[in-house]
């Protein structure tokens, strides 16, 4: 009897130990394999790249589509003596908009002119020193090029880009609230659709056109009233492009309506190289006025209600 009782006690104790072990195992695995046990990533263990996000997949699909379009034949035609190679996915509306831009290009004959001012009108402070941003006067040579006689309109921008960022809406109003980078996106889109490599004019080109046959100072204000929308002859909003008289090159609104981006980086003044991060914008607008055509610098992401652009080639 004693031997049997002792044997039974040993058996119960063994069962109890087994039960405890099972409970501990369950708590670790959270129910037999359903726990949070860390294992090596399958993709990492086999040196596979991580899965792409939806945005990355979309970008990859878009690039694949663009690559496939690029390999398709393009319809070619000459517009205003310029070869245009239409992308297979260009719409009729986009064709019309791009054709309008091309037909609005005029030839600017190159030449030499005196750029800048010595009137000490505009300056900025940098590192504790004053720099007059449009000084000194100096000679510049411009090669012949093509320039749009109009500032880019909202209708054309919206047709190409699918949006209208401007504050004051009007099909023939200049597009505004576009950054320097936005301008580059527009130009790249045009190239994708038509194979035309438009660009922004350089600052030297812009001032060369703006200074063309300007009258002497005593006759300057009457000239501005006839040719430009500036703060003293507007209702403080932009107007349709080309509604004033053009200048001697046949270019409209070059000094007024809205200021215009150029392709050039800023400099402390004309004695210093163009090594600053910002980009130059030129010209007066519907809300400003200066006889020196104004010279601004903005970050590539900056947007203004009074800042637009025109294209060159």
C-alpha atoms as a PDB file:
ATOM      1  CA  UNK A   1       0.000   0.000   0.000  1.00  0.00           C
ATOM      2  CA  UNK A   2       2.766   2.411   0.887  1.00  0.00           C
ATOM      3  CA  UNK A   3       4.594   1.538  -2.276  1.00  0.00           C
ATOM      4  CA  UNK A   4       1.461   2.177  -4.391  1.00  0.00           C
ATOM      5  CA  UNK A   5       0.753   5.525  -2.692  1.00  0.00           C
ATOM      6  CA  UNK A   6       4.278   6.702  -3.254  1.00  0.00           C
ATOM      7  CA  UNK A   7       4.080   5.725  -6.896  1.00  0.00           C
ATOM      8  CA  UNK A   8       0.813   7.633  -7.370  1.00  0.00           C
ATOM      9  CA  UNK A   9       2.262  10.760  -5.770  1.00  0.00           C
ATOM     10  CA  UNK A  10       5.178  10.709  -8.206  1.00  0.00           C
ATOM     11  CA  UNK A  11       2.825  10.381 -11.146  1.00  0.00           C
ATOM     12  CA  UNK A  12       0.657  13.335 -10.069  1.00  0.00           C
ATOM     13  CA  UNK A  13       3.716  15.503  -9.591  1.00  0.00           C
ATOM     14  CA  UNK A  14       4.969  14.629 -13.065  1.00  0.00           C
ATOM     15  CA  UNK A  15       1.573  15.524 -14.551  1.00  0.00           C
ATOM     16  CA  UNK A  16       1.623  18.825 -12.687  1.00  0.00           C
ATOM     17  CA  UNK A  17       5.081  19.676 -14.110  1.00  0.00           C
ATOM     18  CA  UNK A  18       3.923  18.842 -17.633  1.00  0.00           C
ATOM     19  CA  UNK A  19       0.886  21.093 -17.191  1.00  0.00           C
ATOM     20  CA  UNK A  20       3.055  24.005 -16.026  1.00  0.00           C
ATOM     21  CA  UNK A  21       5.385  23.574 -18.999  1.00  0.00           C
ATOM     22  CA  UNK A  22       2.417  23.639 -21.387  1.00  0.00           C
ATOM     23  CA  UNK A  23       1.100  26.862 -19.819  1.00  0.00           C
ATOM     24  CA  UNK A  24       4.494  28.529 -20.116  1.00  0.00           C
ATOM     25  CA  UNK A  25       4.786  27.481 -23.773  1.00  0.00           C
ATOM     26  CA  UNK A  26       1.322  28.869 -24.540  1.00  0.00           C
ATOM     27  CA  UNK A  27       2.131  32.229 -22.924  1.00  0.00           C
ATOM     28  CA  UNK A  28       5.293  32.572 -25.008  1.00  0.00           C
ATOM     29  CA  UNK A  29       3.737  31.616 -28.332  1.00  0.00           C
ATOM     30  CA  UNK A  30       0.374  33.320 -27.638  1.00  0.00           C
ATOM     31  CA  UNK A  31      -1.597  30.221 -28.527  1.00  0.00           C
ATOM     32  CA  UNK A  32       0.675  27.770 -30.256  1.00  0.00           C
ATOM     33  CA  UNK A  33       2.324  29.700 -33.046  1.00  0.00           C
ATOM     34  CA  UNK A  34       0.109  32.808 -33.055  1.00  0.00           C
ATOM     35  CA  UNK A  35       2.496  34.972 -31.022  1.00  0.00           C
ATOM     36  CA  UNK A  36       4.921  37.769 -31.856  1.00  0.00           C
ATOM     37  CA  UNK A  37       8.040  35.701 -32.340  1.00  0.00           C
ATOM     38  CA  UNK A  38      10.489  37.696 -34.479  1.00  0.00           C
ATOM     39  CA  UNK A  39      11.747  35.871 -37.533  1.00  0.00           C
ATOM     40  CA  UNK A  40      14.101  37.058 -40.278  1.00  0.00           C
ATOM     41  CA  UNK A  41      12.322  38.861 -43.122  1.00  0.00           C
ATOM     42  CA  UNK A  42      11.782  36.484 -46.000  1.00  0.00           C
ATOM     43  CA  UNK A  43      12.649  39.195 -48.505  1.00  0.00           C
ATOM     44  CA  UNK A  44      15.799  40.126 -46.630  1.00  0.00           C
ATOM     45  CA  UNK A  45      16.881  36.532 -46.138  1.00  0.00           C
ATOM     46  CA  UNK A  46      16.705  36.001 -49.887  1.00  0.00           C
ATOM     47  CA  UNK A  47      18.147  39.445 -50.759  1.00  0.00           C
ATOM     48  CA  UNK A  48      14.913  40.514 -52.457  1.00  0.00           C
ATOM     49  CA  UNK A  49      14.129  44.262 -52.790  1.00  0.00           C
ATOM     50  CA  UNK A  50      11.353  45.634 -50.544  1.00  0.00           C
ATOM     51  CA  UNK A  51       7.895  46.003 -52.004  1.00  0.00           C
ATOM     52  CA  UNK A  52       7.185  49.316 -53.801  1.00  0.00           C
ATOM     53  CA  UNK A  53       4.629  51.725 -52.388  1.00  0.00           C
ATOM     54  CA  UNK A  54       1.567  52.628 -54.446  1.00  0.00           C
ATOM     55  CA  UNK A  55       3.154  55.977 -55.341  1.00  0.00           C
ATOM     56  CA  UNK A  56       6.363  54.282 -56.487  1.00  0.00           C
ATOM     57  CA  UNK A  57       4.365  51.770 -58.513  1.00  0.00           C
ATOM     58  CA  UNK A  58       2.355  54.594 -60.109  1.00  0.00           C
ATOM     59  CA  UNK A  59       5.519  56.546 -60.963  1.00  0.00           C
ATOM     60  CA  UNK A  60       7.051  53.415 -62.453  1.00  0.00           C
ATOM     61  CA  UNK A  61       3.932  52.790 -64.552  1.00  0.00           C
ATOM     62  CA  UNK A  62       3.916  56.406 -65.750  1.00  0.00           C
ATOM     63  CA  UNK A  63       7.568  56.206 -66.733  1.00  0.00           C
ATOM     64  CA  UNK A  64       6.939  52.921 -68.517  1.00  0.00           C
ATOM     65  CA  UNK A  65       4.065  54.576 -70.398  1.00  0.00           C
ATOM     66  CA  UNK A  66       6.218  57.575 -71.363  1.00  0.00           C
ATOM     67  CA  UNK A  67       8.992  55.263 -72.522  1.00  0.00           C
ATOM     68  CA  UNK A  68       6.546  53.309 -74.677  1.00  0.00           C
ATOM     69  CA  UNK A  69       5.121  56.535 -76.149  1.00  0.00           C
ATOM     70  CA  UNK A  70       8.626  57.813 -76.911  1.00  0.00           C
ATOM     71  CA  UNK A  71       9.240  54.821 -79.154  1.00  0.00           C
ATOM     72  CA  UNK A  72       6.133  55.404 -81.271  1.00  0.00           C
ATOM     73  CA  UNK A  73       6.322  57.397 -84.520  1.00  0.00           C
ATOM     74  CA  UNK A  74       5.492  61.104 -84.252  1.00  0.00           C
ATOM     75  CA  UNK A  75       3.454  63.172 -86.657  1.00  0.00           C
ATOM     76  CA  UNK A  76       5.606  66.006 -88.033  1.00  0.00           C
ATOM     77  CA  UNK A  77       4.622  69.407 -89.385  1.00  0.00           C
ATOM     78  CA  UNK A  78       6.070  72.909 -89.699  1.00  0.00           C
ATOM     79  CA  UNK A  79       4.377  75.746 -87.845  1.00  0.00           C
ATOM     80  CA  UNK A  80       5.760  79.259 -88.237  1.00  0.00           C
ATOM     81  CA  UNK A  81       8.885  77.720 -89.845  1.00  0.00           C
ATOM     82  CA  UNK A  82       9.422  75.539 -86.756  1.00  0.00           C
ATOM     83  CA  UNK A  83       9.432  71.733 -86.927  1.00  0.00           C
ATOM     84  CA  UNK A  84       6.877  70.254 -84.526  1.00  0.00           C
ATOM     85  CA  UNK A  85       6.852  66.513 -83.788  1.00  0.00           C
ATOM     86  CA  UNK A  86       3.580  65.642 -82.092  1.00  0.00           C
ATOM     87  CA  UNK A  87       3.467  62.971 -79.429  1.00  0.00           C
ATOM     88  CA  UNK A  88       0.899  60.200 -80.125  1.00  0.00           C
ATOM     89  CA  UNK A  89      -0.930  61.077 -76.876  1.00  0.00           C
ATOM     90  CA  UNK A  90      -1.271  64.840 -77.508  1.00  0.00           C
ATOM     91  CA  UNK A  91      -4.902  66.043 -77.498  1.00  0.00           C
ATOM     92  CA  UNK A  92      -6.407  68.354 -80.099  1.00  0.00           C
ATOM     93  CA  UNK A  93      -6.801  71.046 -77.440  1.00  0.00           C
ATOM     94  CA  UNK A  94      -3.116  70.762 -76.528  1.00  0.00           C
ATOM     95  CA  UNK A  95      -2.180  70.939 -80.203  1.00  0.00           C
ATOM     96  CA  UNK A  96      -4.142  74.165 -80.537  1.00  0.00           C
ATOM     97  CA  UNK A  97      -2.527  75.653 -77.424  1.00  0.00           C
ATOM     98  CA  UNK A  98       1.016  74.783 -78.514  1.00  0.00           C
ATOM     99  CA  UNK A  99       0.321  76.035 -82.048  1.00  0.00           C
ATOM    100  CA  UNK A 100      -0.813  79.341 -80.529  1.00  0.00           C
ATOM    101  CA  UNK A 101       2.457  79.654 -78.603  1.00  0.00           C
ATOM    102  CA  UNK A 102       4.503  78.942 -81.725  1.00  0.00           C
ATOM    103  CA  UNK A 103       2.553  81.433 -83.832  1.00  0.00           C
ATOM    104  CA  UNK A 104       3.078  84.093 -81.152  1.00  0.00           C
ATOM    105  CA  UNK A 105       6.878  83.790 -81.361  1.00  0.00           C
ATOM    106  CA  UNK A 106       8.650  86.721 -82.975  1.00  0.00           C
ATOM    107  CA  UNK A 107      12.255  87.050 -84.070  1.00  0.00           C
ATOM    108  CA  UNK A 108      14.418  89.266 -81.882  1.00  0.00           C
ATOM    109  CA  UNK A 109      17.467  90.447 -83.779  1.00  0.00           C
ATOM    110  CA  UNK A 110      20.587  90.395 -81.639  1.00  0.00           C
ATOM    111  CA  UNK A 111      22.660  93.427 -80.786  1.00  0.00           C
ATOM    112  CA  UNK A 112      24.624  95.296 -78.133  1.00  0.00           C
ATOM    113  CA  UNK A 113      23.125  97.529 -75.442  1.00  0.00           C
ATOM    114  CA  UNK A 114      23.906  99.163 -72.107  1.00  0.00           C
ATOM    115  CA  UNK A 115      22.400  97.153 -69.245  1.00  0.00           C
ATOM    116  CA  UNK A 116      21.809  98.253 -65.647  1.00  0.00           C
ATOM    117  CA  UNK A 117      21.484 101.546 -63.823  1.00  0.00           C
ATOM    118  CA  UNK A 118      23.684 103.933 -61.834  1.00  0.00           C
ATOM    119  CA  UNK A 119      20.834 105.724 -60.049  1.00  0.00           C
ATOM    120  CA  UNK A 120      21.233 103.956 -56.683  1.00  0.00           C
ATOM    121  CA  UNK A 121      17.517 103.122 -56.689  1.00  0.00           C
ATOM    122  CA  UNK A 122      17.425  99.519 -55.502  1.00  0.00           C
ATOM    123  CA  UNK A 123      19.669  97.762 -53.031  1.00  0.00           C
ATOM    124  CA  UNK A 124      19.793  94.926 -50.545  1.00  0.00           C
ATOM    125  CA  UNK A 125      21.811  94.214 -47.439  1.00  0.00           C
ATOM    126  CA  UNK A 126      23.995  91.119 -47.438  1.00  0.00           C
ATOM    127  CA  UNK A 127      26.495  90.174 -44.725  1.00  0.00           C
ATOM    128  CA  UNK A 128      26.317  93.687 -43.348  1.00  0.00           C
ATOM    129  CA  UNK A 129      27.092  95.366 -46.676  1.00  0.00           C
ATOM    130  CA  UNK A 130      24.845  97.260 -49.106  1.00  0.00           C
ATOM    131  CA  UNK A 131      24.697  96.158 -52.744  1.00  0.00           C
ATOM    132  CA  UNK A 132      22.872  98.047 -55.491  1.00  0.00           C
ATOM    133  CA  UNK A 133      21.335  95.157 -57.349  1.00  0.00           C
ATOM    134  CA  UNK A 134      21.053  96.755 -60.813  1.00  0.00           C
ATOM    135  CA  UNK A 135      24.493  98.392 -60.874  1.00  0.00           C
ATOM    136  CA  UNK A 136      26.811  99.134 -62.521  1.00  0.00           C
ATOM    137  CA  UNK A 137      25.846  99.957 -66.091  1.00  0.00           C
ATOM    138  CA  UNK A 138      27.748  97.789 -68.530  1.00  0.00           C
ATOM    139  CA  UNK A 139      27.691  96.648 -72.148  1.00  0.00           C
ATOM    140  CA  UNK A 140      26.016  93.352 -73.081  1.00  0.00           C
ATOM    141  CA  UNK A 141      25.832  91.471 -76.359  1.00  0.00           C
ATOM    142  CA  UNK A 142      22.689  89.477 -77.229  1.00  0.00           C
ATOM    143  CA  UNK A 143      22.457  86.857 -79.960  1.00  0.00           C
ATOM    144  CA  UNK A 144      19.309  86.636 -82.073  1.00  0.00           C
ATOM    145  CA  UNK A 145      16.541  84.525 -80.547  1.00  0.00           C
ATOM    146  CA  UNK A 146      12.775  84.017 -80.558  1.00  0.00           C
ATOM    147  CA  UNK A 147      10.461  85.382 -77.860  1.00  0.00           C
ATOM    148  CA  UNK A 148       6.734  85.139 -77.286  1.00  0.00           C
ATOM    149  CA  UNK A 149       5.136  88.510 -77.905  1.00  0.00           C
ATOM    150  CA  UNK A 150       2.646  87.745 -75.108  1.00  0.00           C
ATOM    151  CA  UNK A 151       2.925  86.639 -71.516  1.00  0.00           C
ATOM    152  CA  UNK A 152       1.662  83.072 -71.190  1.00  0.00           C
ATOM    153  CA  UNK A 153      -2.111  83.045 -70.718  1.00  0.00           C
ATOM    154  CA  UNK A 154      -4.209  81.103 -68.267  1.00  0.00           C
ATOM    155  CA  UNK A 155      -6.084  79.323 -71.057  1.00  0.00           C
ATOM    156  CA  UNK A 156      -2.884  77.894 -72.519  1.00  0.00           C
ATOM    157  CA  UNK A 157      -1.519  76.924 -69.104  1.00  0.00           C
ATOM    158  CA  UNK A 158      -4.729  75.147 -68.108  1.00  0.00           C
ATOM    159  CA  UNK A 159      -4.926  73.289 -71.422  1.00  0.00           C
ATOM    160  CA  UNK A 160      -1.396  71.940 -71.020  1.00  0.00           C
ATOM    161  CA  UNK A 161      -1.188  71.464 -67.246  1.00  0.00           C
ATOM    162  CA  UNK A 162      -4.811  70.784 -66.299  1.00  0.00           C
ATOM    163  CA  UNK A 163      -5.043  73.449 -63.571  1.00  0.00           C
ATOM    164  CA  UNK A 164      -5.161  77.216 -63.085  1.00  0.00           C
ATOM    165  CA  UNK A 165      -3.205  78.528 -60.083  1.00  0.00           C
ATOM    166  CA  UNK A 166      -3.970  82.220 -60.756  1.00  0.00           C
ATOM    167  CA  UNK A 167      -5.814  84.409 -58.270  1.00  0.00           C
ATOM    168  CA  UNK A 168      -7.534  86.594 -60.880  1.00  0.00           C
ATOM    169  CA  UNK A 169      -9.157  84.410 -63.507  1.00  0.00           C
ATOM    170  CA  UNK A 170      -9.496  85.168 -67.186  1.00  0.00           C
ATOM    171  CA  UNK A 171      -8.655  83.068 -70.239  1.00  0.00           C
ATOM    172  CA  UNK A 172      -6.491  85.825 -71.715  1.00  0.00           C
ATOM    173  CA  UNK A 173      -5.073  87.019 -68.399  1.00  0.00           C
ATOM    174  CA  UNK A 174      -1.430  86.070 -67.787  1.00  0.00           C
ATOM    175  CA  UNK A 175      -1.075  82.963 -65.645  1.00  0.00           C
ATOM    176  CA  UNK A 176       0.310  83.828 -62.188  1.00  0.00           C
ATOM    177  CA  UNK A 177       1.137  82.079 -58.918  1.00  0.00           C
ATOM    178  CA  UNK A 178       3.587  79.881 -60.797  1.00  0.00           C
ATOM    179  CA  UNK A 179       7.031  79.206 -59.371  1.00  0.00           C
ATOM    180  CA  UNK A 180      10.255  78.951 -61.353  1.00  0.00           C
ATOM    181  CA  UNK A 181       9.996  75.184 -60.973  1.00  0.00           C
ATOM    182  CA  UNK A 182       6.399  75.278 -62.250  1.00  0.00           C
ATOM    183  CA  UNK A 183       7.634  77.065 -65.369  1.00  0.00           C
ATOM    184  CA  UNK A 184      10.172  74.301 -65.942  1.00  0.00           C
ATOM    185  CA  UNK A 185       7.437  71.672 -65.565  1.00  0.00           C
ATOM    186  CA  UNK A 186       5.351  73.479 -68.185  1.00  0.00           C
ATOM    187  CA  UNK A 187       8.304  73.712 -70.574  1.00  0.00           C
ATOM    188  CA  UNK A 188       9.104  70.004 -70.073  1.00  0.00           C
ATOM    189  CA  UNK A 189       5.470  69.103 -70.741  1.00  0.00           C
ATOM    190  CA  UNK A 190       5.517  71.070 -73.993  1.00  0.00           C
ATOM    191  CA  UNK A 191       8.678  69.247 -75.060  1.00  0.00           C
ATOM    192  CA  UNK A 192       7.095  65.892 -74.241  1.00  0.00           C
ATOM    193  CA  UNK A 193       4.031  66.716 -76.358  1.00  0.00           C
ATOM    194  CA  UNK A 194       5.686  68.507 -79.303  1.00  0.00           C
ATOM    195  CA  UNK A 195       9.461  68.022 -79.142  1.00  0.00           C
ATOM    196  CA  UNK A 196       9.865  71.833 -78.957  1.00  0.00           C
ATOM    197  CA  UNK A 197      12.532  72.949 -76.486  1.00  0.00           C
ATOM    198  CA  UNK A 198      11.163  76.206 -75.132  1.00  0.00           C
ATOM    199  CA  UNK A 199      12.949  77.994 -72.295  1.00  0.00           C
ATOM    200  CA  UNK A 200      12.722  81.092 -70.133  1.00  0.00           C
ATOM    201  CA  UNK A 201      14.544  84.144 -71.497  1.00  0.00           C
ATOM    202  CA  UNK A 202      17.798  85.111 -69.826  1.00  0.00           C
ATOM    203  CA  UNK A 203      17.847  88.318 -67.816  1.00  0.00           C
ATOM    204  CA  UNK A 204      20.067  89.966 -70.444  1.00  0.00           C
ATOM    205  CA  UNK A 205      17.603  89.017 -73.203  1.00  0.00           C
ATOM    206  CA  UNK A 206      14.683  90.319 -71.162  1.00  0.00           C
ATOM    207  CA  UNK A 207      16.258  93.732 -70.530  1.00  0.00           C
ATOM    208  CA  UNK A 208      17.449  93.991 -74.137  1.00  0.00           C
ATOM    209  CA  UNK A 209      13.836  93.659 -75.310  1.00  0.00           C
ATOM    210  CA  UNK A 210      12.460  95.920 -72.562  1.00  0.00           C
ATOM    211  CA  UNK A 211      14.882  98.757 -73.392  1.00  0.00           C
ATOM    212  CA  UNK A 212      14.201  98.720 -77.145  1.00  0.00           C
ATOM    213  CA  UNK A 213      13.796 102.332 -78.355  1.00  0.00           C
ATOM    214  CA  UNK A 214      12.591 103.676 -75.027  1.00  0.00           C
ATOM    215  CA  UNK A 215      11.924 107.428 -75.136  1.00  0.00           C
ATOM    216  CA  UNK A 216      13.877 109.935 -73.108  1.00  0.00           C
ATOM    217  CA  UNK A 217      12.857 110.350 -69.486  1.00  0.00           C
ATOM    218  CA  UNK A 218      10.600 113.381 -70.043  1.00  0.00           C
ATOM    219  CA  UNK A 219       8.473 111.300 -72.428  1.00  0.00           C
ATOM    220  CA  UNK A 220       8.681 108.081 -70.467  1.00  0.00           C
ATOM    221  CA  UNK A 221       5.451 108.293 -68.452  1.00  0.00           C
ATOM    222  CA  UNK A 222       3.198 108.953 -71.478  1.00  0.00           C
ATOM    223  CA  UNK A 223       4.905 106.002 -73.191  1.00  0.00           C
ATOM    224  CA  UNK A 224       4.200 103.721 -70.207  1.00  0.00           C
ATOM    225  CA  UNK A 225       0.533 104.754 -70.154  1.00  0.00           C
ATOM    226  CA  UNK A 226       0.227 103.640 -73.776  1.00  0.00           C
ATOM    227  CA  UNK A 227       2.138 100.379 -73.495  1.00  0.00           C
ATOM    228  CA  UNK A 228       1.965  98.978 -69.951  1.00  0.00           C
ATOM    229  CA  UNK A 229      -0.405  98.086 -67.117  1.00  0.00           C
ATOM    230  CA  UNK A 230       1.234  99.339 -63.903  1.00  0.00           C
ATOM    231  CA  UNK A 231      -0.018 100.416 -60.492  1.00  0.00           C
ATOM    232  CA  UNK A 232      -1.015 103.962 -61.447  1.00  0.00           C
ATOM    233  CA  UNK A 233      -3.187 103.048 -64.447  1.00  0.00           C
ATOM    234  CA  UNK A 234      -4.886  99.789 -63.383  1.00  0.00           C
ATOM    235  CA  UNK A 235      -7.547  98.715 -60.902  1.00  0.00           C
ATOM    236  CA  UNK A 236      -4.882  96.666 -59.098  1.00  0.00           C
ATOM    237  CA  UNK A 237      -5.420  93.462 -61.057  1.00  0.00           C
ATOM    238  CA  UNK A 238      -3.937  91.995 -64.249  1.00  0.00           C
ATOM    239  CA  UNK A 239      -5.468  92.561 -67.677  1.00  0.00           C
ATOM    240  CA  UNK A 240      -5.755  90.523 -70.852  1.00  0.00           C
ATOM    241  CA  UNK A 241      -2.422  90.279 -72.630  1.00  0.00           C
ATOM    242  CA  UNK A 242      -1.819  92.426 -75.697  1.00  0.00           C
ATOM    243  CA  UNK A 243      -4.441  95.084 -74.955  1.00  0.00           C
ATOM    244  CA  UNK A 244      -1.910  97.937 -74.792  1.00  0.00           C
ATOM    245  CA  UNK A 245       0.471  99.000 -77.561  1.00  0.00           C
ATOM    246  CA  UNK A 246       3.534  96.854 -78.251  1.00  0.00           C
ATOM    247  CA  UNK A 247       7.126  98.075 -78.092  1.00  0.00           C
ATOM    248  CA  UNK A 248       9.492  98.489 -81.050  1.00  0.00           C
ATOM    249  CA  UNK A 249      10.185  94.732 -81.179  1.00  0.00           C
ATOM    250  CA  UNK A 250       6.473  93.954 -81.317  1.00  0.00           C
ATOM    251  CA  UNK A 251       6.429  92.602 -77.739  1.00  0.00           C
ATOM    252  CA  UNK A 252       3.487  93.368 -75.433  1.00  0.00           C
ATOM    253  CA  UNK A 253       3.424  93.983 -71.659  1.00  0.00           C
ATOM    254  CA  UNK A 254       7.181  93.559 -71.265  1.00  0.00           C
ATOM    255  CA  UNK A 255       7.458  96.180 -68.515  1.00  0.00           C
ATOM    256  CA  UNK A 256       3.999  95.779 -66.935  1.00  0.00           C
ATOM    257  CA  UNK A 257       0.903  93.642 -66.303  1.00  0.00           C
ATOM    258  CA  UNK A 258       2.876  90.979 -64.392  1.00  0.00           C
ATOM    259  CA  UNK A 259       6.544  90.555 -63.557  1.00  0.00           C
ATOM    260  CA  UNK A 260       8.295  87.733 -65.411  1.00  0.00           C
ATOM    261  CA  UNK A 261      10.630  84.900 -64.477  1.00  0.00           C
ATOM    262  CA  UNK A 262      13.998  84.657 -66.212  1.00  0.00           C
ATOM    263  CA  UNK A 263      16.285  81.647 -66.437  1.00  0.00           C
ATOM    264  CA  UNK A 264      19.171  83.242 -64.509  1.00  0.00           C
ATOM    265  CA  UNK A 265      20.354  82.886 -60.940  1.00  0.00           C
ATOM    266  CA  UNK A 266      20.618  86.050 -58.879  1.00  0.00           C
ATOM    267  CA  UNK A 267      23.791  87.966 -58.063  1.00  0.00           C
ATOM    268  CA  UNK A 268      24.635  90.591 -55.468  1.00  0.00           C
ATOM    269  CA  UNK A 269      25.033  93.107 -58.290  1.00  0.00           C
ATOM    270  CA  UNK A 270      26.344  93.062 -61.847  1.00  0.00           C
ATOM    271  CA  UNK A 271      29.938  93.051 -60.586  1.00  0.00           C
ATOM    272  CA  UNK A 272      29.413  89.690 -58.906  1.00  0.00           C
ATOM    273  CA  UNK A 273      28.846  86.266 -60.504  1.00  0.00           C
ATOM    274  CA  UNK A 274      25.402  84.673 -60.571  1.00  0.00           C
ATOM    275  CA  UNK A 275      26.086  82.267 -57.738  1.00  0.00           C
ATOM    276  CA  UNK A 276      23.091  82.934 -55.450  1.00  0.00           C
ATOM    277  CA  UNK A 277      20.448  80.247 -55.046  1.00  0.00           C
ATOM    278  CA  UNK A 278      17.476  82.409 -56.020  1.00  0.00           C
ATOM    279  CA  UNK A 279      16.322  83.227 -59.555  1.00  0.00           C
ATOM    280  CA  UNK A 280      15.786  86.633 -61.134  1.00  0.00           C
ATOM    281  CA  UNK A 281      12.366  88.007 -62.083  1.00  0.00           C
ATOM    282  CA  UNK A 282      12.037  91.276 -63.980  1.00  0.00           C
ATOM    283  CA  UNK A 283       9.500  93.963 -64.722  1.00  0.00           C
ATOM    284  CA  UNK A 284       6.732  95.940 -63.098  1.00  0.00           C
ATOM    285  CA  UNK A 285       3.250  94.560 -62.560  1.00  0.00           C
ATOM    286  CA  UNK A 286      -0.318  95.750 -62.089  1.00  0.00           C
ATOM    287  CA  UNK A 287       0.502  96.499 -58.438  1.00  0.00           C
ATOM    288  CA  UNK A 288       3.951  98.113 -58.809  1.00  0.00           C
ATOM    289  CA  UNK A 289       5.751 100.876 -60.651  1.00  0.00           C
ATOM    290  CA  UNK A 290       9.384 101.855 -61.135  1.00  0.00           C
ATOM    291  CA  UNK A 291      11.053 103.458 -64.168  1.00  0.00           C
ATOM    292  CA  UNK A 292      13.951 100.980 -63.815  1.00  0.00           C
ATOM    293  CA  UNK A 293      11.846  97.910 -64.762  1.00  0.00           C
ATOM    294  CA  UNK A 294      12.351  96.358 -61.325  1.00  0.00           C
ATOM    295  CA  UNK A 295      14.728  93.488 -60.534  1.00  0.00           C
ATOM    296  CA  UNK A 296      13.652  90.854 -58.011  1.00  0.00           C
ATOM    297  CA  UNK A 297      15.035  87.557 -56.809  1.00  0.00           C
ATOM    298  CA  UNK A 298      12.922  84.652 -55.578  1.00  0.00           C
ATOM    299  CA  UNK A 299      13.362  81.070 -54.487  1.00  0.00           C
ATOM    300  CA  UNK A 300      12.602  78.477 -57.156  1.00  0.00           C
ATOM    301  CA  UNK A 301       9.455  77.513 -55.198  1.00  0.00           C
ATOM    302  CA  UNK A 302       8.132  81.063 -54.646  1.00  0.00           C
ATOM    303  CA  UNK A 303       4.767  82.055 -56.136  1.00  0.00           C
ATOM    304  CA  UNK A 304       3.244  85.535 -56.437  1.00  0.00           C
ATOM    305  CA  UNK A 305      -0.123  86.875 -57.602  1.00  0.00           C
ATOM    306  CA  UNK A 306       1.799  89.341 -59.779  1.00  0.00           C
ATOM    307  CA  UNK A 307       4.438  86.974 -61.187  1.00  0.00           C
ATOM    308  CA  UNK A 308       4.172  85.076 -64.488  1.00  0.00           C
ATOM    309  CA  UNK A 309       6.403  84.338 -67.492  1.00  0.00           C
ATOM    310  CA  UNK A 310       6.803  84.182 -71.244  1.00  0.00           C
ATOM    311  CA  UNK A 311       8.724  81.612 -73.250  1.00  0.00           C
ATOM    312  CA  UNK A 312      11.758  82.003 -75.512  1.00  0.00           C
ATOM    313  CA  UNK A 313      13.411  79.773 -78.055  1.00  0.00           C
END
